[in-house]
């Protein structure tokens, strides 16, 4: 369930942020914000569903997923394949997110 929540949050956040990027950095119409703002709201709501007792831990674990999802976005949407350093960094942060989220705590 955590994987679905974090994947959905990543898609919503990256899509929402990209709408602002397209408007401000690529000269696209402000109409892009009509999709970007609700996407960012969905992102925030999804993070409240994360299976963690504390917000900081949920956000920290999500950070790793966000980095990896951003590399997928880079590849699929922006048509720039990640280089070996991108892939190594993505693997490291995903491992770290797993440690944070699934570590046995007493």
Foldseek 3Di string as FASTA:
>chain_A
DLVVLLVLLLVLQVQLVVLVCCVPVVVDDVVSNVSNVVSNVSSVVSLVVHPDPDSVLSVQLSVLVNLLVVQVCCCPVVVDHDDPVSVVSSVVSNVVSCCSRPPDDD
